[in-house]
Amino acid sequence: QSGGSLRLSCAAGTFTFSEYAMSWSRQAP
């Protein structure tokens, strides 16, 4: 609902995770 909260998670595979910049993007229809 509007006003609510949510936490998204992203699990990384077997790459050198600590060396990467990570981000979140979104796309609406």
PDB file of all heavy atoms in Angstrom:
ATOM      1  N   GLN A   1       0.818  -1.200   0.000  1.00  0.00           N
ATOM      2  CA  GLN A   1       0.000   0.000   0.000  1.00  0.00           C
ATOM      3  C   GLN A   1       0.858   1.258   0.000  1.00  0.00           C
ATOM      4  O   GLN A   1       1.999   1.250   0.475  1.00  0.00           O
ATOM      5  CB  GLN A   1      -0.918   0.027   1.221  1.00  0.00           C
ATOM      6  CG  GLN A   1      -1.980  -1.053   1.221  1.00  0.00           C
ATOM      7  CD  GLN A   1      -2.928  -0.925   2.391  1.00  0.00           C
ATOM      8  OE1 GLN A   1      -2.591  -0.342   3.418  1.00  0.00           O
ATOM      9  NE2 GLN A   1      -4.129  -1.463   2.241  1.00  0.00           N
ATOM     10  N   SER A   2       0.308   2.318  -0.541  1.00  0.00           N
ATOM     11  CA  SER A   2       0.989   3.599  -0.534  1.00  0.00           C
ATOM     12  C   SER A   2       1.370   3.959   0.901  1.00  0.00           C
ATOM     13  O   SER A   2       0.572   3.806   1.821  1.00  0.00           O
ATOM     14  CB  SER A   2       0.088   4.674  -1.130  1.00  0.00           C
ATOM     15  OG  SER A   2       0.714   5.934  -1.120  1.00  0.00           O
ATOM     16  N   GLY A   3       2.602   4.421   1.072  1.00  0.00           N
ATOM     17  CA  GLY A   3       3.084   4.774   2.391  1.00  0.00           C
ATOM     18  C   GLY A   3       3.800   3.644   3.099  1.00  0.00           C
ATOM     19  O   GLY A   3       4.436   3.858   4.136  1.00  0.00           O
ATOM     20  N   GLY A   4       3.712   2.460   2.542  1.00  0.00           N
ATOM     21  CA  GLY A   4       4.340   1.303   3.142  1.00  0.00           C
ATOM     22  C   GLY A   4       5.817   1.192   2.816  1.00  0.00           C
ATOM     23  O   GLY A   4       6.386   2.042   2.128  1.00  0.00           O
ATOM     24  N   SER A   5       6.422   0.131   3.310  1.00  0.00           N
ATOM     25  CA  SER A   5       7.843  -0.106   3.103  1.00  0.00           C
ATOM     26  C   SER A   5       8.090  -1.494   2.543  1.00  0.00           C
ATOM     27  O   SER A   5       7.277  -2.408   2.713  1.00  0.00           O
ATOM     28  CB  SER A   5       8.611   0.039   4.421  1.00  0.00           C
ATOM     29  OG  SER A   5       8.519   1.352   4.932  1.00  0.00           O
ATOM     30  N   LEU A   6       9.219  -1.625   1.899  1.00  0.00           N
ATOM     31  CA  LEU A   6       9.592  -2.894   1.302  1.00  0.00           C
ATOM     32  C   LEU A   6      11.106  -2.931   1.179  1.00  0.00           C
ATOM     33  O   LEU A   6      11.725  -1.889   0.937  1.00  0.00           O
ATOM     34  CB  LEU A   6       8.945  -3.024  -0.074  1.00  0.00           C
ATOM     35  CG  LEU A   6       8.823  -4.401  -0.726  1.00  0.00           C
ATOM     36  CD1 LEU A   6       7.943  -5.317   0.124  1.00  0.00           C
ATOM     37  CD2 LEU A   6       8.223  -4.247  -2.118  1.00  0.00           C
ATOM     38  N   ARG A   7      11.696  -4.095   1.357  1.00  0.00           N
ATOM     39  CA  ARG A   7      13.134  -4.228   1.167  1.00  0.00           C
ATOM     40  C   ARG A   7      13.420  -5.239   0.072  1.00  0.00           C
ATOM     41  O   ARG A   7      13.022  -6.403   0.161  1.00  0.00           O
ATOM     42  CB  ARG A   7      13.850  -4.661   2.451  1.00  0.00           C
ATOM     43  CG  ARG A   7      15.377  -4.596   2.301  1.00  0.00           C
ATOM     44  CD  ARG A   7      16.110  -4.837   3.593  1.00  0.00           C
ATOM     45  NE  ARG A   7      16.324  -6.256   3.850  1.00  0.00           N
ATOM     46  CZ  ARG A   7      17.336  -6.740   4.561  1.00  0.00           C
ATOM     47  NH1 ARG A   7      18.224  -5.907   5.105  1.00  0.00           N
ATOM     48  NH2 ARG A   7      17.442  -8.041   4.760  1.00  0.00           N
ATOM     49  N   LEU A   8      14.112  -4.778  -0.943  1.00  0.00           N
ATOM     50  CA  LEU A   8      14.515  -5.643  -2.033  1.00  0.00           C
ATOM     51  C   LEU A   8      15.909  -6.189  -1.754  1.00  0.00           C
ATOM     52  O   LEU A   8      16.746  -5.510  -1.165  1.00  0.00           O
ATOM     53  CB  LEU A   8      14.530  -4.881  -3.359  1.00  0.00           C
ATOM     54  CG  LEU A   8      13.234  -4.181  -3.761  1.00  0.00           C
ATOM     55  CD1 LEU A   8      13.399  -3.561  -5.149  1.00  0.00           C
ATOM     56  CD2 LEU A   8      12.061  -5.141  -3.729  1.00  0.00           C
ATOM     57  N   SER A   9      16.140  -7.409  -2.193  1.00  0.00           N
ATOM     58  CA  SER A   9      17.435  -8.041  -2.002  1.00  0.00           C
ATOM     59  C   SER A   9      17.999  -8.485  -3.338  1.00  0.00           C
ATOM     60  O   SER A   9      17.257  -8.833  -4.259  1.00  0.00           O
ATOM     61  CB  SER A   9      17.316  -9.254  -1.077  1.00  0.00           C
ATOM     62  OG  SER A   9      16.867  -8.883   0.202  1.00  0.00           O
ATOM     63  N   CYS A  10      19.306  -8.471  -3.433  1.00  0.00           N
ATOM     64  CA  CYS A  10      19.995  -8.901  -4.636  1.00  0.00           C
ATOM     65  C   CYS A  10      21.130  -9.814  -4.217  1.00  0.00           C
ATOM     66  O   CYS A  10      22.031  -9.391  -3.485  1.00  0.00           O
ATOM     67  CB  CYS A  10      20.531  -7.683  -5.395  1.00  0.00           C
ATOM     68  SG  CYS A  10      21.600  -8.076  -6.785  1.00  0.00           S
ATOM     69  N   ALA A  11      21.084 -11.045  -4.664  1.00  0.00           N
ATOM     70  CA  ALA A  11      22.119 -12.016  -4.344  1.00  0.00           C
ATOM     71  C   ALA A  11      23.065 -12.141  -5.533  1.00  0.00           C
ATOM     72  O   ALA A  11      22.623 -12.366  -6.660  1.00  0.00           O
ATOM     73  CB  ALA A  11      21.496 -13.368  -4.019  1.00  0.00           C
ATOM     74  N   ALA A  12      24.344 -12.001  -5.271  1.00  0.00           N
ATOM     75  CA  ALA A  12      25.343 -12.046  -6.326  1.00  0.00           C
ATOM     76  C   ALA A  12      25.882 -13.447  -6.533  1.00  0.00           C
ATOM     77  O   ALA A  12      25.987 -14.237  -5.596  1.00  0.00           O
ATOM     78  CB  ALA A  12      26.491 -11.098  -6.005  1.00  0.00           C
ATOM     79  N   GLY A  13      26.232 -13.725  -7.769  1.00  0.00           N
ATOM     80  CA  GLY A  13      26.819 -15.004  -8.106  1.00  0.00           C
ATOM     81  C   GLY A  13      28.309 -15.020  -7.838  1.00  0.00           C
ATOM     82  O   GLY A  13      28.816 -14.238  -7.027  1.00  0.00           O
ATOM     83  N   THR A  14      28.996 -15.887  -8.525  1.00  0.00           N
ATOM     84  CA  THR A  14      30.419 -16.097  -8.261  1.00  0.00           C
ATOM     85  C   THR A  14      31.344 -15.166  -9.037  1.00  0.00           C
ATOM     86  O   THR A  14      32.243 -15.619  -9.755  1.00  0.00           O
ATOM     87  CB  THR A  14      30.789 -17.559  -8.552  1.00  0.00           C
ATOM     88  OG1 THR A  14      30.456 -17.874  -9.914  1.00  0.00           O
ATOM     89  CG2 THR A  14      30.058 -18.494  -7.611  1.00  0.00           C
ATOM     90  N   PHE A  15      31.151 -13.882  -8.903  1.00  0.00           N
ATOM     91  CA  PHE A  15      32.077 -12.916  -9.448  1.00  0.00           C
ATOM     92  C   PHE A  15      32.702 -12.154  -8.283  1.00  0.00           C
ATOM     93  O   PHE A  15      32.290 -12.325  -7.140  1.00  0.00           O
ATOM     94  CB  PHE A  15      31.391 -11.968 -10.444  1.00  0.00           C
ATOM     95  CG  PHE A  15      30.254 -11.167  -9.868  1.00  0.00           C
ATOM     96  CD1 PHE A  15      30.468  -9.892  -9.362  1.00  0.00           C
ATOM     97  CD2 PHE A  15      28.962 -11.667  -9.854  1.00  0.00           C
ATOM     98  CE1 PHE A  15      29.413  -9.132  -8.855  1.00  0.00           C
ATOM     99  CE2 PHE A  15      27.901 -10.926  -9.358  1.00  0.00           C
ATOM    100  CZ  PHE A  15      28.141  -9.649  -8.855  1.00  0.00           C
ATOM    101  N   THR A  16      33.692 -11.326  -8.590  1.00  0.00           N
ATOM    102  CA  THR A  16      34.384 -10.592  -7.532  1.00  0.00           C
ATOM    103  C   THR A  16      33.504  -9.439  -7.074  1.00  0.00           C
ATOM    104  O   THR A  16      33.733  -8.276  -7.412  1.00  0.00           O
ATOM    105  CB  THR A  16      35.749 -10.093  -8.028  1.00  0.00           C
ATOM    106  OG1 THR A  16      36.453 -11.168  -8.660  1.00  0.00           O
ATOM    107  CG2 THR A  16      36.587  -9.603  -6.843  1.00  0.00           C
ATOM    108  N   PHE A  17      32.521  -9.779  -6.295  1.00  0.00           N
ATOM    109  CA  PHE A  17      31.470  -8.861  -5.875  1.00  0.00           C
ATOM    110  C   PHE A  17      31.985  -7.543  -5.301  1.00  0.00           C
ATOM    111  O   PHE A  17      31.494  -6.468  -5.651  1.00  0.00           O
ATOM    112  CB  PHE A  17      30.576  -9.561  -4.847  1.00  0.00           C
ATOM    113  CG  PHE A  17      29.467  -8.700  -4.313  1.00  0.00           C
ATOM    114  CD1 PHE A  17      28.331  -8.464  -5.056  1.00  0.00           C
ATOM    115  CD2 PHE A  17      29.575  -8.129  -3.052  1.00  0.00           C
ATOM    116  CE1 PHE A  17      27.303  -7.678  -4.567  1.00  0.00           C
ATOM    117  CE2 PHE A  17      28.553  -7.340  -2.546  1.00  0.00           C
ATOM    118  CZ  PHE A  17      27.416  -7.120  -3.313  1.00  0.00           C
ATOM    119  N   SER A  18      32.955  -7.610  -4.415  1.00  0.00           N
ATOM    120  CA  SER A  18      33.437  -6.414  -3.733  1.00  0.00           C
ATOM    121  C   SER A  18      34.058  -5.381  -4.664  1.00  0.00           C
ATOM    122  O   SER A  18      34.184  -4.216  -4.292  1.00  0.00           O
ATOM    123  CB  SER A  18      34.446  -6.788  -2.641  1.00  0.00           C
ATOM    124  OG  SER A  18      35.596  -7.404  -3.196  1.00  0.00           O
ATOM    125  N   GLU A  19      34.424  -5.770  -5.862  1.00  0.00           N
ATOM    126  CA  GLU A  19      35.045  -4.862  -6.813  1.00  0.00           C
ATOM    127  C   GLU A  19      34.033  -4.177  -7.740  1.00  0.00           C
ATOM    128  O   GLU A  19      34.414  -3.328  -8.538  1.00  0.00           O
ATOM    129  CB  GLU A  19      36.077  -5.609  -7.660  1.00  0.00           C
ATOM    130  CG  GLU A  19      37.243  -6.162  -6.839  1.00  0.00           C
ATOM    131  CD  GLU A  19      38.263  -6.898  -7.681  1.00  0.00           C
ATOM    132  OE1 GLU A  19      38.082  -6.982  -8.914  1.00  0.00           O
ATOM    133  OE2 GLU A  19      39.248  -7.391  -7.111  1.00  0.00           O
ATOM    134  N   TYR A  20      32.782  -4.550  -7.625  1.00  0.00           N
ATOM    135  CA  TYR A  20      31.748  -3.999  -8.491  1.00  0.00           C
ATOM    136  C   TYR A  20      30.941  -2.906  -7.824  1.00  0.00           C
ATOM    137  O   TYR A  20      30.637  -2.976  -6.632  1.00  0.00           O
ATOM    138  CB  TYR A  20      30.780  -5.102  -8.920  1.00  0.00           C
ATOM    139  CG  TYR A  20      31.279  -5.976 -10.038  1.00  0.00           C
ATOM    140  CD1 TYR A  20      32.283  -6.912  -9.815  1.00  0.00           C
ATOM    141  CD2 TYR A  20      30.740  -5.872 -11.321  1.00  0.00           C
ATOM    142  CE1 TYR A  20      32.746  -7.716 -10.844  1.00  0.00           C
ATOM    143  CE2 TYR A  20      31.192  -6.678 -12.340  1.00  0.00           C
ATOM    144  CZ  TYR A  20      32.194  -7.599 -12.100  1.00  0.00           C
ATOM    145  OH  TYR A  20      32.640  -8.402 -13.126  1.00  0.00           O
ATOM    146  N   ALA A  21      30.599  -1.920  -8.616  1.00  0.00           N
ATOM    147  CA  ALA A  21      29.608  -0.947  -8.183  1.00  0.00           C
ATOM    148  C   ALA A  21      28.266  -1.635  -8.401  1.00  0.00           C
ATOM    149  O   ALA A  21      28.054  -2.281  -9.425  1.00  0.00           O
ATOM    150  CB  ALA A  21      29.689   0.321  -9.019  1.00  0.00           C
ATOM    151  N   MET A  22      27.388  -1.519  -7.447  1.00  0.00           N
ATOM    152  CA  MET A  22      26.082  -2.151  -7.545  1.00  0.00           C
ATOM    153  C   MET A  22      25.004  -1.079  -7.561  1.00  0.00           C
ATOM    154  O   MET A  22      25.161  -0.006  -6.982  1.00  0.00           O
ATOM    155  CB  MET A  22      25.857  -3.102  -6.369  1.00  0.00           C
ATOM    156  CG  MET A  22      26.908  -4.197  -6.236  1.00  0.00           C
ATOM    157  SD  MET A  22      26.969  -5.315  -7.670  1.00  0.00           S
ATOM    158  CE  MET A  22      25.340  -6.078  -7.580  1.00  0.00           C
ATOM    159  N   SER A  23      23.922  -1.385  -8.211  1.00  0.00           N
ATOM    160  CA  SER A  23      22.854  -0.403  -8.312  1.00  0.00           C
ATOM    161  C   SER A  23      21.496  -1.067  -8.466  1.00  0.00           C
ATOM    162  O   SER A  23      21.394  -2.269  -8.720  1.00  0.00           O
ATOM    163  CB  SER A  23      23.108   0.549  -9.486  1.00  0.00           C
ATOM    164  OG  SER A  23      23.065  -0.141 -10.720  1.00  0.00           O
ATOM    165  N   TRP A  24      20.491  -0.246  -8.303  1.00  0.00           N
ATOM    166  CA  TRP A  24      19.118  -0.662  -8.565  1.00  0.00           C
ATOM    167  C   TRP A  24      18.536   0.282  -9.601  1.00  0.00           C
ATOM    168  O   TRP A  24      18.691   1.498  -9.498  1.00  0.00           O
ATOM    169  CB  TRP A  24      18.253  -0.601  -7.307  1.00  0.00           C
ATOM    170  CG  TRP A  24      18.554  -1.674  -6.309  1.00  0.00           C
ATOM    171  CD1 TRP A  24      19.406  -1.605  -5.260  1.00  0.00           C
ATOM    172  CD2 TRP A  24      17.983  -2.987  -6.276  1.00  0.00           C
ATOM    173  NE1 TRP A  24      19.402  -2.791  -4.561  1.00  0.00           N
ATOM    174  CE2 TRP A  24      18.539  -3.661  -5.161  1.00  0.00           C
ATOM    175  CE3 TRP A  24      17.048  -3.663  -7.066  1.00  0.00           C
ATOM    176  CZ2 TRP A  24      18.194  -4.973  -4.832  1.00  0.00           C
ATOM    177  CZ3 TRP A  24      16.709  -4.968  -6.739  1.00  0.00           C
ATOM    178  CH2 TRP A  24      17.285  -5.602  -5.631  1.00  0.00           C
ATOM    179  N   SER A  25      17.876  -0.271 -10.578  1.00  0.00           N
ATOM    180  CA  SER A  25      17.180   0.515 -11.574  1.00  0.00           C
ATOM    181  C   SER A  25      15.749   0.003 -11.637  1.00  0.00           C
ATOM    182  O   SER A  25      15.436  -1.059 -11.100  1.00  0.00           O
ATOM    183  CB  SER A  25      17.860   0.416 -12.944  1.00  0.00           C
ATOM    184  OG  SER A  25      17.874  -0.926 -13.409  1.00  0.00           O
ATOM    185  N   ARG A  26      14.895   0.755 -12.274  1.00  0.00           N
ATOM    186  CA  ARG A  26      13.505   0.330 -12.391  1.00  0.00           C
ATOM    187  C   ARG A  26      12.930   0.766 -13.726  1.00  0.00           C
ATOM    188  O   ARG A  26      13.381   1.730 -14.333  1.00  0.00           O
ATOM    189  CB  ARG A  26      12.665   0.887 -11.244  1.00  0.00           C
ATOM    190  CG  ARG A  26      12.507   2.407 -11.259  1.00  0.00           C
ATOM    191  CD  ARG A  26      11.798   2.884 -10.006  1.00  0.00           C
ATOM    192  NE  ARG A  26      11.589   4.329 -10.011  1.00  0.00           N
ATOM    193  CZ  ARG A  26      11.103   5.016  -8.989  1.00  0.00           C
ATOM    194  NH1 ARG A  26      10.783   4.391  -7.855  1.00  0.00           N
ATOM    195  NH2 ARG A  26      10.946   6.334  -9.078  1.00  0.00           N
ATOM    196  N   GLN A  27      11.916   0.051 -14.147  1.00  0.00           N
ATOM    197  CA  GLN A  27      11.240   0.393 -15.381  1.00  0.00           C
ATOM    198  C   GLN A  27       9.752   0.105 -15.253  1.00  0.00           C
ATOM    199  O   GLN A  27       9.351  -1.019 -14.964  1.00  0.00           O
ATOM    200  CB  GLN A  27      11.819  -0.374 -16.564  1.00  0.00           C
ATOM    201  CG  GLN A  27      11.250   0.059 -17.900  1.00  0.00           C
ATOM    202  CD  GLN A  27      12.043  -0.464 -19.067  1.00  0.00           C
ATOM    203  OE1 GLN A  27      12.665  -1.509 -18.993  1.00  0.00           O
ATOM    204  NE2 GLN A  27      12.024   0.278 -20.164  1.00  0.00           N
ATOM    205  N   ALA A  28       8.968   1.137 -15.457  1.00  0.00           N
ATOM    206  CA  ALA A  28       7.524   1.008 -15.443  1.00  0.00           C
ATOM    207  C   ALA A  28       7.046   0.853 -16.880  1.00  0.00           C
ATOM    208  O   ALA A  28       7.717   1.301 -17.815  1.00  0.00           O
ATOM    209  CB  ALA A  28       6.893   2.236 -14.802  1.00  0.00           C
ATOM    210  N   PRO A  29       5.894   0.234 -17.090  1.00  0.00           N
ATOM    211  CA  PRO A  29       5.369   0.060 -18.445  1.00  0.00           C
ATOM    212  C   PRO A  29       5.266   1.387 -19.190  1.00  0.00           C
ATOM    213  O   PRO A  29       4.737   2.364 -18.659  1.00  0.00           O
ATOM    214  CB  PRO A  29       3.992  -0.549 -18.205  1.00  0.00           C
ATOM    215  CG  PRO A  29       4.140  -1.289 -16.918  1.00  0.00           C
ATOM    216  CD  PRO A  29       5.016  -0.389 -16.084  1.00  0.00           C
TER     217      PRO A  29
END
